[in-house]
Amino acid sequence: MVLSTQASLSTVDWSKLTAPEDDGAAAHLTGAKVPDISLAATDGSAVSLALLPGRTVVYVYPLTGRPGAALPDGWDEIPGARGCTPQSCAFRDHYGALLASGADRVFGLSTQDTDYQREAADRLHLPYPLLSDAALRLTTALRLPVMLISGNTLLKRMALIIDDGVIVRAFYPVFPPDRNAADVLEWLRALRG
């Protein structure tokens, strides 16, 4: 593990990073029914995205770093890897507008365990829970796009709009990550007319 070449977790020079390409790995998601799989949430609850009524926004990210802790070797060189903190902060900052524009709830999702996620949720003051798919059950059932880094299976960055348990829109690939929440908000507003 080495420290990232970027100065901080929240301020990133996107021009120095390679944007991910659309590899088609999320093309099957729009129209897919979400399986009834319970995920641990940072607020202590268990959430099945399949059972939630209304519209759910889920942003998906590889992993959040911690201040002063090393990221995996070559993290900044992996297209689409860097930017989980800016993505999370953007969803935090747009949270009220997302709800006002038709989202009933917002979640973040990664394969990190709940204890690790809880530190990030607390540090970043997130007004919504993060969901853990550490067992890869949802990832496998939905065939979510992944990357294998340092022996870990990490989710590729995306956002999903789920209406009554069915994915109606997948934003993939996502770059730059700090723009993802604004793109989702724009889509929700356009849908409302």
N, C-alpha and C. Protein backbone atom coordinates (compact mmCIF):
# COMPACT_ATOMS: atom_id res chain seq x y z
N MET A 1 0.84 -1.17 0.00
CA MET A 1 0.00 0.00 0.00
C MET A 1 0.89 1.24 0.00
N VAL A 2 0.46 2.22 -0.79
CA VAL A 2 1.18 3.49 -0.83
C VAL A 2 0.18 4.61 -0.70
N LEU A 3 0.68 5.75 -0.25
CA LEU A 3 -0.19 6.91 -0.20
C LEU A 3 -0.49 7.37 -1.61
N SER A 4 -1.67 7.89 -1.82
CA SER A 4 -2.09 8.38 -3.12
C SER A 4 -1.23 9.55 -3.55
N THR A 5 -1.13 9.77 -4.85
CA THR A 5 -0.40 10.93 -5.37
C THR A 5 -1.22 12.21 -5.25
N GLN A 6 -2.51 12.09 -4.97
CA GLN A 6 -3.36 13.26 -4.76
C GLN A 6 -3.18 13.72 -3.32
N ALA A 7 -3.32 15.02 -3.08
CA ALA A 7 -3.05 15.60 -1.76
C ALA A 7 -4.06 15.19 -0.69
N SER A 8 -5.33 15.04 -1.04
CA SER A 8 -6.33 14.72 -0.02
C SER A 8 -7.40 13.81 -0.61
N LEU A 9 -8.25 13.29 0.27
CA LEU A 9 -9.33 12.42 -0.18
C LEU A 9 -10.46 13.20 -0.84
N SER A 10 -10.64 14.46 -0.45
CA SER A 10 -11.79 15.21 -0.94
C SER A 10 -11.47 16.16 -2.09
N THR A 11 -10.23 16.58 -2.24
CA THR A 11 -9.85 17.48 -3.32
C THR A 11 -9.04 16.69 -4.33
N VAL A 12 -9.58 16.53 -5.52
CA VAL A 12 -8.93 15.69 -6.53
C VAL A 12 -8.80 16.48 -7.83
N ASP A 13 -7.66 16.38 -8.46
CA ASP A 13 -7.44 16.99 -9.78
C ASP A 13 -7.83 15.94 -10.83
N TRP A 14 -9.08 16.03 -11.31
CA TRP A 14 -9.60 15.02 -12.24
C TRP A 14 -8.82 14.97 -13.55
N SER A 15 -8.17 16.09 -13.92
CA SER A 15 -7.42 16.11 -15.18
C SER A 15 -6.19 15.20 -15.13
N LYS A 16 -5.77 14.80 -13.94
CA LYS A 16 -4.61 13.91 -13.81
C LYS A 16 -4.99 12.44 -13.75
N LEU A 17 -6.31 12.15 -13.80
CA LEU A 17 -6.78 10.77 -13.70
C LEU A 17 -7.39 10.31 -15.02
N THR A 18 -7.28 9.03 -15.29
CA THR A 18 -7.86 8.45 -16.50
C THR A 18 -9.33 8.14 -16.25
N ALA A 19 -10.19 8.64 -17.13
CA ALA A 19 -11.62 8.38 -17.02
C ALA A 19 -11.91 6.92 -17.39
N PRO A 20 -12.85 6.29 -16.70
CA PRO A 20 -13.22 4.93 -17.06
C PRO A 20 -13.98 4.92 -18.39
N GLU A 21 -13.85 3.84 -19.13
CA GLU A 21 -14.59 3.69 -20.38
C GLU A 21 -15.82 2.83 -20.13
N ASP A 22 -16.84 3.02 -20.96
CA ASP A 22 -18.04 2.20 -20.85
C ASP A 22 -17.73 0.83 -21.43
N ASP A 23 -17.57 -0.15 -20.55
CA ASP A 23 -17.25 -1.51 -20.97
C ASP A 23 -18.49 -2.37 -21.16
N GLY A 24 -19.68 -1.74 -21.04
CA GLY A 24 -20.93 -2.46 -21.22
C GLY A 24 -21.34 -3.32 -20.04
N ALA A 25 -20.57 -3.28 -18.95
CA ALA A 25 -20.82 -4.17 -17.82
C ALA A 25 -22.09 -3.84 -17.03
N ALA A 26 -22.70 -2.68 -17.30
CA ALA A 26 -23.94 -2.31 -16.61
C ALA A 26 -25.14 -2.28 -17.55
N ALA A 27 -24.95 -2.65 -18.79
CA ALA A 27 -26.01 -2.55 -19.80
C ALA A 27 -27.24 -3.40 -19.44
N HIS A 28 -27.04 -4.48 -18.73
CA HIS A 28 -28.14 -5.39 -18.38
C HIS A 28 -28.96 -4.92 -17.18
N LEU A 29 -28.54 -3.87 -16.51
CA LEU A 29 -29.18 -3.49 -15.25
C LEU A 29 -30.52 -2.78 -15.42
N THR A 30 -30.65 -1.92 -16.42
CA THR A 30 -31.92 -1.21 -16.59
C THR A 30 -33.03 -2.20 -16.89
N GLY A 31 -34.07 -2.17 -16.06
CA GLY A 31 -35.19 -3.09 -16.18
C GLY A 31 -35.07 -4.32 -15.30
N ALA A 32 -33.91 -4.48 -14.66
CA ALA A 32 -33.70 -5.66 -13.80
C ALA A 32 -34.44 -5.50 -12.48
N LYS A 33 -35.02 -6.59 -12.02
CA LYS A 33 -35.65 -6.63 -10.70
C LYS A 33 -34.56 -6.88 -9.67
N VAL A 34 -34.55 -6.07 -8.63
CA VAL A 34 -33.55 -6.22 -7.58
C VAL A 34 -33.93 -7.43 -6.71
N PRO A 35 -32.99 -8.33 -6.46
CA PRO A 35 -33.30 -9.50 -5.62
C PRO A 35 -33.47 -9.09 -4.16
N ASP A 36 -34.28 -9.87 -3.45
CA ASP A 36 -34.55 -9.60 -2.04
C ASP A 36 -33.37 -10.10 -1.20
N ILE A 37 -32.39 -9.22 -1.04
CA ILE A 37 -31.17 -9.53 -0.28
C ILE A 37 -31.00 -8.44 0.77
N SER A 38 -30.89 -8.84 2.00
CA SER A 38 -30.74 -7.91 3.11
C SER A 38 -29.29 -7.44 3.21
N LEU A 39 -29.11 -6.12 3.30
CA LEU A 39 -27.78 -5.53 3.41
C LEU A 39 -27.69 -4.76 4.72
N ALA A 40 -26.57 -4.91 5.42
CA ALA A 40 -26.35 -4.16 6.65
C ALA A 40 -26.12 -2.69 6.32
N ALA A 41 -26.73 -1.82 7.11
CA ALA A 41 -26.62 -0.37 6.91
C ALA A 41 -25.89 0.26 8.09
N THR A 42 -25.26 1.40 7.84
CA THR A 42 -24.49 2.08 8.88
C THR A 42 -25.36 2.65 9.98
N ASP A 43 -26.67 2.72 9.78
CA ASP A 43 -27.55 3.20 10.84
C ASP A 43 -28.04 2.05 11.73
N GLY A 44 -27.51 0.84 11.52
CA GLY A 44 -27.87 -0.32 12.33
C GLY A 44 -29.01 -1.13 11.78
N SER A 45 -29.64 -0.67 10.72
CA SER A 45 -30.76 -1.40 10.14
C SER A 45 -30.26 -2.41 9.10
N ALA A 46 -31.18 -3.22 8.61
CA ALA A 46 -30.93 -4.12 7.49
C ALA A 46 -31.88 -3.69 6.39
N VAL A 47 -31.38 -3.54 5.17
CA VAL A 47 -32.17 -2.99 4.07
C VAL A 47 -32.19 -3.97 2.91
N SER A 48 -33.39 -4.24 2.41
CA SER A 48 -33.55 -4.97 1.15
C SER A 48 -34.07 -3.97 0.13
N LEU A 49 -33.24 -3.63 -0.84
CA LEU A 49 -33.63 -2.65 -1.86
C LEU A 49 -34.84 -3.13 -2.66
N ALA A 50 -35.04 -4.43 -2.73
CA ALA A 50 -36.16 -5.01 -3.47
C ALA A 50 -37.50 -4.68 -2.83
N LEU A 51 -37.50 -4.46 -1.53
CA LEU A 51 -38.76 -4.31 -0.80
C LEU A 51 -39.14 -2.86 -0.53
N LEU A 52 -38.31 -1.92 -0.93
CA LEU A 52 -38.59 -0.52 -0.64
C LEU A 52 -39.59 0.06 -1.65
N PRO A 53 -40.66 0.67 -1.16
CA PRO A 53 -41.62 1.28 -2.07
C PRO A 53 -41.10 2.63 -2.58
N GLY A 54 -41.57 3.01 -3.74
CA GLY A 54 -41.20 4.31 -4.27
C GLY A 54 -39.84 4.30 -4.95
N ARG A 55 -39.22 5.48 -4.96
CA ARG A 55 -37.96 5.66 -5.71
C ARG A 55 -36.77 5.72 -4.76
N THR A 56 -35.78 4.89 -5.04
CA THR A 56 -34.55 4.82 -4.26
C THR A 56 -33.37 5.16 -5.16
N VAL A 57 -32.51 6.02 -4.67
CA VAL A 57 -31.26 6.34 -5.36
C VAL A 57 -30.13 5.65 -4.61
N VAL A 58 -29.35 4.86 -5.33
CA VAL A 58 -28.20 4.17 -4.75
C VAL A 58 -26.97 4.54 -5.56
N TYR A 59 -26.02 5.20 -4.91
CA TYR A 59 -24.75 5.42 -5.61
C TYR A 59 -23.78 4.35 -5.13
N VAL A 60 -23.01 3.84 -6.05
CA VAL A 60 -22.13 2.70 -5.83
C VAL A 60 -20.69 3.18 -5.99
N TYR A 61 -19.82 2.76 -5.07
CA TYR A 61 -18.44 3.23 -5.09
C TYR A 61 -17.49 2.09 -4.70
N PRO A 62 -16.23 2.16 -5.14
CA PRO A 62 -15.28 1.09 -4.82
C PRO A 62 -14.92 1.01 -3.33
N LEU A 63 -14.36 2.08 -2.78
CA LEU A 63 -14.02 2.11 -1.36
C LEU A 63 -13.70 3.52 -0.93
N THR A 64 -14.03 3.84 0.29
CA THR A 64 -13.65 5.14 0.83
C THR A 64 -12.32 4.97 1.54
N GLY A 65 -11.46 5.95 1.35
CA GLY A 65 -10.19 5.96 2.06
C GLY A 65 -10.39 6.60 3.43
N ARG A 66 -9.32 6.59 4.19
CA ARG A 66 -9.30 7.26 5.50
C ARG A 66 -8.13 8.22 5.52
N PRO A 67 -8.31 9.39 6.10
CA PRO A 67 -7.19 10.34 6.16
C PRO A 67 -5.95 9.70 6.77
N GLY A 68 -4.82 9.86 6.08
CA GLY A 68 -3.56 9.33 6.58
C GLY A 68 -3.32 7.86 6.31
N ALA A 69 -4.33 7.16 5.83
CA ALA A 69 -4.18 5.72 5.54
C ALA A 69 -3.86 5.53 4.06
N ALA A 70 -3.03 4.55 3.78
CA ALA A 70 -2.63 4.28 2.41
C ALA A 70 -3.77 3.66 1.62
N LEU A 71 -3.85 4.02 0.35
CA LEU A 71 -4.78 3.40 -0.59
C LEU A 71 -4.03 2.27 -1.30
N PRO A 72 -4.75 1.36 -1.96
CA PRO A 72 -4.05 0.28 -2.68
C PRO A 72 -3.03 0.82 -3.68
N ASP A 73 -1.97 0.07 -3.90
CA ASP A 73 -0.93 0.45 -4.85
C ASP A 73 -1.54 0.79 -6.20
N GLY A 74 -1.13 1.91 -6.76
CA GLY A 74 -1.58 2.30 -8.09
C GLY A 74 -3.01 2.79 -8.16
N TRP A 75 -3.61 3.11 -7.03
CA TRP A 75 -5.03 3.49 -6.97
C TRP A 75 -5.37 4.61 -7.95
N ASP A 76 -4.54 5.64 -8.00
CA ASP A 76 -4.82 6.79 -8.88
C ASP A 76 -4.71 6.43 -10.36
N GLU A 77 -4.03 5.35 -10.67
CA GLU A 77 -3.86 4.96 -12.08
C GLU A 77 -4.98 4.03 -12.57
N ILE A 78 -5.82 3.55 -11.67
CA ILE A 78 -6.92 2.66 -12.04
C ILE A 78 -8.10 3.52 -12.50
N PRO A 79 -8.50 3.43 -13.77
CA PRO A 79 -9.60 4.27 -14.25
C PRO A 79 -10.87 4.06 -13.42
N GLY A 80 -11.38 5.15 -12.87
CA GLY A 80 -12.62 5.10 -12.11
C GLY A 80 -12.48 4.76 -10.65
N ALA A 81 -11.26 4.49 -10.17
CA ALA A 81 -11.09 4.09 -8.78
C ALA A 81 -11.18 5.29 -7.83
N ARG A 82 -10.47 6.34 -8.15
CA ARG A 82 -10.35 7.49 -7.25
C ARG A 82 -11.62 8.32 -7.24
N GLY A 83 -12.03 8.80 -6.07
CA GLY A 83 -13.12 9.76 -5.99
C GLY A 83 -14.31 9.38 -5.14
N CYS A 84 -14.16 8.38 -4.26
CA CYS A 84 -15.30 7.93 -3.45
C CYS A 84 -15.73 8.98 -2.43
N THR A 85 -14.78 9.66 -1.83
CA THR A 85 -15.13 10.72 -0.88
C THR A 85 -15.81 11.88 -1.59
N PRO A 86 -15.29 12.39 -2.71
CA PRO A 86 -16.01 13.46 -3.41
C PRO A 86 -17.41 13.04 -3.88
N GLN A 87 -17.56 11.78 -4.32
CA GLN A 87 -18.87 11.30 -4.74
C GLN A 87 -19.84 11.29 -3.54
N SER A 88 -19.39 10.76 -2.42
CA SER A 88 -20.22 10.71 -1.21
C SER A 88 -20.59 12.11 -0.74
N CYS A 89 -19.64 13.02 -0.75
CA CYS A 89 -19.90 14.39 -0.31
C CYS A 89 -20.87 15.10 -1.25
N ALA A 90 -20.80 14.80 -2.54
CA ALA A 90 -21.74 15.41 -3.49
C ALA A 90 -23.16 14.91 -3.24
N PHE A 91 -23.32 13.62 -2.95
CA PHE A 91 -24.65 13.12 -2.63
C PHE A 91 -25.13 13.70 -1.29
N ARG A 92 -24.24 13.89 -0.36
CA ARG A 92 -24.59 14.56 0.90
C ARG A 92 -25.09 15.98 0.63
N ASP A 93 -24.33 16.71 -0.18
CA ASP A 93 -24.66 18.11 -0.44
C ASP A 93 -25.93 18.27 -1.27
N HIS A 94 -26.26 17.29 -2.10
CA HIS A 94 -27.47 17.33 -2.94
C HIS A 94 -28.65 16.55 -2.33
N TYR A 95 -28.46 16.03 -1.13
CA TYR A 95 -29.45 15.15 -0.52
C TYR A 95 -30.85 15.77 -0.47
N GLY A 96 -30.98 16.97 0.03
CA GLY A 96 -32.29 17.62 0.12
C GLY A 96 -32.92 17.83 -1.25
N ALA A 97 -32.12 18.23 -2.23
CA ALA A 97 -32.64 18.45 -3.58
C ALA A 97 -33.06 17.13 -4.23
N LEU A 98 -32.33 16.06 -3.95
CA LEU A 98 -32.71 14.75 -4.50
C LEU A 98 -34.07 14.32 -3.96
N LEU A 99 -34.28 14.51 -2.64
CA LEU A 99 -35.58 14.16 -2.05
C LEU A 99 -36.68 15.06 -2.59
N ALA A 100 -36.40 16.33 -2.75
CA ALA A 100 -37.40 17.27 -3.27
C ALA A 100 -37.74 17.00 -4.74
N SER A 101 -36.85 16.28 -5.43
CA SER A 101 -37.05 16.02 -6.87
C SER A 101 -37.56 14.61 -7.15
N GLY A 102 -38.02 13.93 -6.12
CA GLY A 102 -38.68 12.65 -6.36
C GLY A 102 -38.04 11.42 -5.76
N ALA A 103 -36.84 11.53 -5.21
CA ALA A 103 -36.25 10.37 -4.53
C ALA A 103 -36.89 10.23 -3.16
N ASP A 104 -37.25 9.02 -2.78
CA ASP A 104 -37.79 8.77 -1.45
C ASP A 104 -36.68 8.52 -0.44
N ARG A 105 -35.52 8.08 -0.94
CA ARG A 105 -34.39 7.79 -0.07
C ARG A 105 -33.12 7.69 -0.91
N VAL A 106 -31.98 7.81 -0.24
CA VAL A 106 -30.66 7.72 -0.87
C VAL A 106 -29.80 6.79 -0.02
N PHE A 107 -29.01 5.97 -0.69
CA PHE A 107 -28.04 5.10 -0.03
C PHE A 107 -26.73 5.13 -0.82
N GLY A 108 -25.62 4.89 -0.13
CA GLY A 108 -24.37 4.56 -0.78
C GLY A 108 -24.17 3.05 -0.63
N LEU A 109 -23.45 2.43 -1.55
CA LEU A 109 -23.24 0.98 -1.53
C LEU A 109 -21.81 0.66 -1.91
N SER A 110 -21.17 -0.19 -1.10
CA SER A 110 -19.84 -0.69 -1.44
C SER A 110 -19.69 -2.10 -0.87
N THR A 111 -18.56 -2.71 -1.13
CA THR A 111 -18.28 -4.04 -0.58
C THR A 111 -17.47 -3.95 0.71
N GLN A 112 -17.24 -2.77 1.21
CA GLN A 112 -16.56 -2.61 2.50
C GLN A 112 -17.50 -3.05 3.62
N ASP A 113 -16.94 -3.49 4.74
CA ASP A 113 -17.81 -3.91 5.84
C ASP A 113 -18.41 -2.69 6.54
N THR A 114 -19.46 -2.93 7.30
CA THR A 114 -20.23 -1.86 7.91
C THR A 114 -19.41 -1.02 8.88
N ASP A 115 -18.53 -1.63 9.65
CA ASP A 115 -17.70 -0.86 10.58
C ASP A 115 -16.82 0.14 9.83
N TYR A 116 -16.22 -0.30 8.74
CA TYR A 116 -15.38 0.60 7.93
C TYR A 116 -16.25 1.71 7.35
N GLN A 117 -17.41 1.35 6.83
CA GLN A 117 -18.31 2.35 6.25
C GLN A 117 -18.79 3.35 7.30
N ARG A 118 -19.06 2.87 8.51
CA ARG A 118 -19.58 3.74 9.57
C ARG A 118 -18.60 4.88 9.86
N GLU A 119 -17.30 4.59 9.84
CA GLU A 119 -16.30 5.63 10.06
C GLU A 119 -16.44 6.72 9.00
N ALA A 120 -16.59 6.31 7.75
CA ALA A 120 -16.74 7.30 6.66
C ALA A 120 -18.05 8.07 6.79
N ALA A 121 -19.14 7.38 7.10
CA ALA A 121 -20.43 8.05 7.24
C ALA A 121 -20.39 9.09 8.35
N ASP A 122 -19.75 8.76 9.45
CA ASP A 122 -19.62 9.71 10.56
C ASP A 122 -18.70 10.87 10.20
N ARG A 123 -17.54 10.56 9.65
CA ARG A 123 -16.55 11.59 9.32
C ARG A 123 -17.09 12.56 8.28
N LEU A 124 -17.84 12.05 7.30
CA LEU A 124 -18.35 12.90 6.22
C LEU A 124 -19.73 13.48 6.53
N HIS A 125 -20.29 13.14 7.69
CA HIS A 125 -21.60 13.65 8.11
C HIS A 125 -22.68 13.34 7.06
N LEU A 126 -22.73 12.09 6.65
CA LEU A 126 -23.70 11.69 5.63
C LEU A 126 -25.09 11.59 6.25
N PRO A 127 -26.11 12.18 5.60
CA PRO A 127 -27.47 12.16 6.15
C PRO A 127 -28.25 10.91 5.75
N TYR A 128 -27.62 9.96 5.16
CA TYR A 128 -28.23 8.72 4.68
C TYR A 128 -27.28 7.57 5.03
N PRO A 129 -27.79 6.35 5.11
CA PRO A 129 -26.93 5.20 5.44
C PRO A 129 -26.11 4.72 4.23
N LEU A 130 -24.99 4.10 4.55
CA LEU A 130 -24.22 3.34 3.57
C LEU A 130 -24.58 1.88 3.76
N LEU A 131 -24.68 1.15 2.66
CA LEU A 131 -25.03 -0.27 2.68
C LEU A 131 -23.80 -1.10 2.34
N SER A 132 -23.64 -2.21 3.06
CA SER A 132 -22.50 -3.09 2.85
C SER A 132 -22.92 -4.36 2.11
N ASP A 133 -22.22 -4.65 1.03
CA ASP A 133 -22.38 -5.93 0.34
C ASP A 133 -21.07 -6.69 0.45
N ALA A 134 -20.53 -6.74 1.68
CA ALA A 134 -19.25 -7.41 1.91
C ALA A 134 -19.29 -8.89 1.52
N ALA A 135 -20.46 -9.52 1.62
CA ALA A 135 -20.58 -10.93 1.24
C ALA A 135 -20.78 -11.10 -0.26
N LEU A 136 -20.89 -10.01 -1.00
CA LEU A 136 -21.03 -10.00 -2.46
C LEU A 136 -22.31 -10.67 -2.96
N ARG A 137 -23.31 -10.78 -2.11
CA ARG A 137 -24.54 -11.44 -2.52
C ARG A 137 -25.31 -10.62 -3.55
N LEU A 138 -25.50 -9.33 -3.30
CA LEU A 138 -26.19 -8.48 -4.26
C LEU A 138 -25.33 -8.29 -5.52
N THR A 139 -24.05 -8.09 -5.31
CA THR A 139 -23.11 -7.92 -6.44
C THR A 139 -23.20 -9.11 -7.39
N THR A 140 -23.20 -10.31 -6.85
CA THR A 140 -23.26 -11.52 -7.67
C THR A 140 -24.63 -11.69 -8.31
N ALA A 141 -25.69 -11.49 -7.54
CA ALA A 141 -27.05 -11.69 -8.06
C ALA A 141 -27.38 -10.72 -9.20
N LEU A 142 -26.93 -9.48 -9.09
CA LEU A 142 -27.20 -8.49 -10.14
C LEU A 142 -26.09 -8.41 -11.19
N ARG A 143 -25.01 -9.16 -10.96
CA ARG A 143 -23.85 -9.10 -11.86
C ARG A 143 -23.37 -7.65 -12.01
N LEU A 144 -23.18 -6.99 -10.84
CA LEU A 144 -22.69 -5.62 -10.85
C LEU A 144 -21.25 -5.59 -11.33
N PRO A 145 -20.86 -4.55 -12.04
CA PRO A 145 -19.48 -4.43 -12.51
C PRO A 145 -18.50 -4.31 -11.33
N VAL A 146 -17.44 -5.08 -11.39
CA VAL A 146 -16.46 -5.09 -10.31
C VAL A 146 -15.05 -4.93 -10.85
N MET A 147 -14.14 -4.62 -9.92
CA MET A 147 -12.71 -4.63 -10.21
C MET A 147 -12.02 -5.38 -9.08
N LEU A 148 -11.01 -6.14 -9.41
CA LEU A 148 -10.25 -6.89 -8.42
C LEU A 148 -8.97 -6.12 -8.13
N ILE A 149 -8.85 -5.64 -6.89
CA ILE A 149 -7.72 -4.80 -6.49
C ILE A 149 -7.12 -5.36 -5.21
N SER A 150 -5.84 -5.66 -5.26
CA SER A 150 -5.12 -6.14 -4.07
C SER A 150 -5.87 -7.28 -3.37
N GLY A 151 -6.43 -8.18 -4.16
CA GLY A 151 -7.13 -9.34 -3.61
C GLY A 151 -8.54 -9.06 -3.13
N ASN A 152 -9.04 -7.85 -3.35
CA ASN A 152 -10.39 -7.49 -2.94
C ASN A 152 -11.29 -7.27 -4.15
N THR A 153 -12.55 -7.69 -4.04
CA THR A 153 -13.54 -7.41 -5.07
C THR A 153 -14.22 -6.11 -4.71
N LEU A 154 -14.04 -5.11 -5.55
CA LEU A 154 -14.60 -3.77 -5.34
C LEU A 154 -15.59 -3.46 -6.46
N LEU A 155 -16.64 -2.76 -6.12
CA LEU A 155 -17.62 -2.36 -7.12
C LEU A 155 -17.11 -1.21 -7.95
N LYS A 156 -17.43 -1.23 -9.23
CA LYS A 156 -17.13 -0.08 -10.08
C LYS A 156 -18.18 1.00 -9.80
N ARG A 157 -17.78 2.22 -9.95
CA ARG A 157 -18.63 3.36 -9.62
C ARG A 157 -19.81 3.50 -10.58
N MET A 158 -20.99 3.69 -9.98
CA MET A 158 -22.20 3.90 -10.77
C MET A 158 -23.27 4.47 -9.85
N ALA A 159 -24.42 4.78 -10.40
CA ALA A 159 -25.59 5.13 -9.59
C ALA A 159 -26.78 4.41 -10.21
N LEU A 160 -27.67 3.94 -9.33
CA LEU A 160 -28.87 3.22 -9.77
C LEU A 160 -30.10 3.95 -9.25
N ILE A 161 -31.11 4.06 -10.10
CA ILE A 161 -32.42 4.55 -9.69
C ILE A 161 -33.33 3.33 -9.67
N ILE A 162 -33.91 3.06 -8.51
CA ILE A 162 -34.74 1.87 -8.33
C ILE A 162 -36.14 2.32 -7.97
N ASP A 163 -37.12 1.94 -8.79
CA ASP A 163 -38.53 2.24 -8.52
C ASP A 163 -39.24 0.95 -8.13
N ASP A 164 -39.74 0.91 -6.90
CA ASP A 164 -40.48 -0.26 -6.42
C ASP A 164 -39.76 -1.57 -6.73
N GLY A 165 -38.45 -1.60 -6.47
CA GLY A 165 -37.67 -2.82 -6.62
C GLY A 165 -37.17 -3.14 -8.02
N VAL A 166 -37.36 -2.22 -8.98
CA VAL A 166 -36.89 -2.42 -10.35
C VAL A 166 -35.94 -1.29 -10.73
N ILE A 167 -34.78 -1.63 -11.27
CA ILE A 167 -33.82 -0.61 -11.71
C ILE A 167 -34.35 0.05 -12.98
N VAL A 168 -34.59 1.35 -12.91
CA VAL A 168 -35.12 2.07 -14.07
C VAL A 168 -34.04 2.89 -14.77
N ARG A 169 -32.90 3.09 -14.11
CA ARG A 169 -31.82 3.85 -14.74
C ARG A 169 -30.52 3.50 -14.06
N ALA A 170 -29.49 3.25 -14.86
CA ALA A 170 -28.15 3.02 -14.36
C ALA A 170 -27.22 4.08 -14.95
N PHE A 171 -26.55 4.82 -14.12
CA PHE A 171 -25.55 5.79 -14.56
C PHE A 171 -24.20 5.09 -14.50
N TYR A 172 -23.62 4.83 -15.67
CA TYR A 172 -22.37 4.08 -15.74
C TYR A 172 -21.73 4.29 -17.09
N PRO A 173 -20.45 4.52 -17.18
CA PRO A 173 -19.53 4.80 -16.08
C PRO A 173 -19.77 6.20 -15.52
N VAL A 174 -19.19 6.46 -14.37
CA VAL A 174 -19.33 7.75 -13.71
C VAL A 174 -17.95 8.42 -13.66
N PHE A 175 -17.88 9.63 -14.23
CA PHE A 175 -16.65 10.43 -14.15
C PHE A 175 -16.96 11.85 -14.57
N PRO A 176 -16.49 12.82 -13.83
CA PRO A 176 -15.83 12.68 -12.54
C PRO A 176 -16.85 12.33 -11.45
N PRO A 177 -16.41 11.65 -10.41
CA PRO A 177 -17.33 11.18 -9.37
C PRO A 177 -18.10 12.29 -8.66
N ASP A 178 -17.49 13.46 -8.50
CA ASP A 178 -18.17 14.53 -7.78
C ASP A 178 -19.32 15.14 -8.58
N ARG A 179 -19.46 14.75 -9.83
CA ARG A 179 -20.54 15.23 -10.69
C ARG A 179 -21.75 14.28 -10.68
N ASN A 180 -21.57 13.07 -10.16
CA ASN A 180 -22.60 12.03 -10.21
C ASN A 180 -23.92 12.45 -9.58
N ALA A 181 -23.88 13.06 -8.41
CA ALA A 181 -25.11 13.47 -7.73
C ALA A 181 -25.87 14.52 -8.55
N ALA A 182 -25.14 15.45 -9.14
CA ALA A 182 -25.77 16.48 -9.97
C ALA A 182 -26.40 15.87 -11.21
N ASP A 183 -25.76 14.87 -11.79
CA ASP A 183 -26.32 14.19 -12.96
C ASP A 183 -27.61 13.44 -12.59
N VAL A 184 -27.60 12.78 -11.45
CA VAL A 184 -28.81 12.08 -10.98
C VAL A 184 -29.92 13.09 -10.72
N LEU A 185 -29.58 14.20 -10.08
CA LEU A 185 -30.57 15.24 -9.78
C LEU A 185 -31.15 15.81 -11.07
N GLU A 186 -30.32 16.07 -12.05
CA GLU A 186 -30.78 16.57 -13.35
C GLU A 186 -31.77 15.59 -13.99
N TRP A 187 -31.45 14.30 -13.92
CA TRP A 187 -32.32 13.27 -14.49
C TRP A 187 -33.67 13.23 -13.77
N LEU A 188 -33.63 13.31 -12.44
CA LEU A 188 -34.87 13.30 -11.66
C LEU A 188 -35.73 14.52 -11.99
N ARG A 189 -35.11 15.66 -12.10
CA ARG A 189 -35.85 16.89 -12.41
C ARG A 189 -36.45 16.83 -13.82
N ALA A 190 -35.70 16.29 -14.77
CA ALA A 190 -36.22 16.16 -16.14
C ALA A 190 -37.40 15.21 -16.18
N LEU A 191 -37.35 14.16 -15.38
CA LEU A 191 -38.43 13.19 -15.32
C LEU A 191 -39.73 13.83 -14.79
N ARG A 192 -39.57 14.74 -13.85
CA ARG A 192 -40.73 15.42 -13.27
C ARG A 192 -41.28 16.50 -14.19
N GLY A 193 -40.49 16.90 -15.20
CA GLY A 193 -40.94 17.90 -16.17
C GLY A 193 -40.76 19.28 -15.64
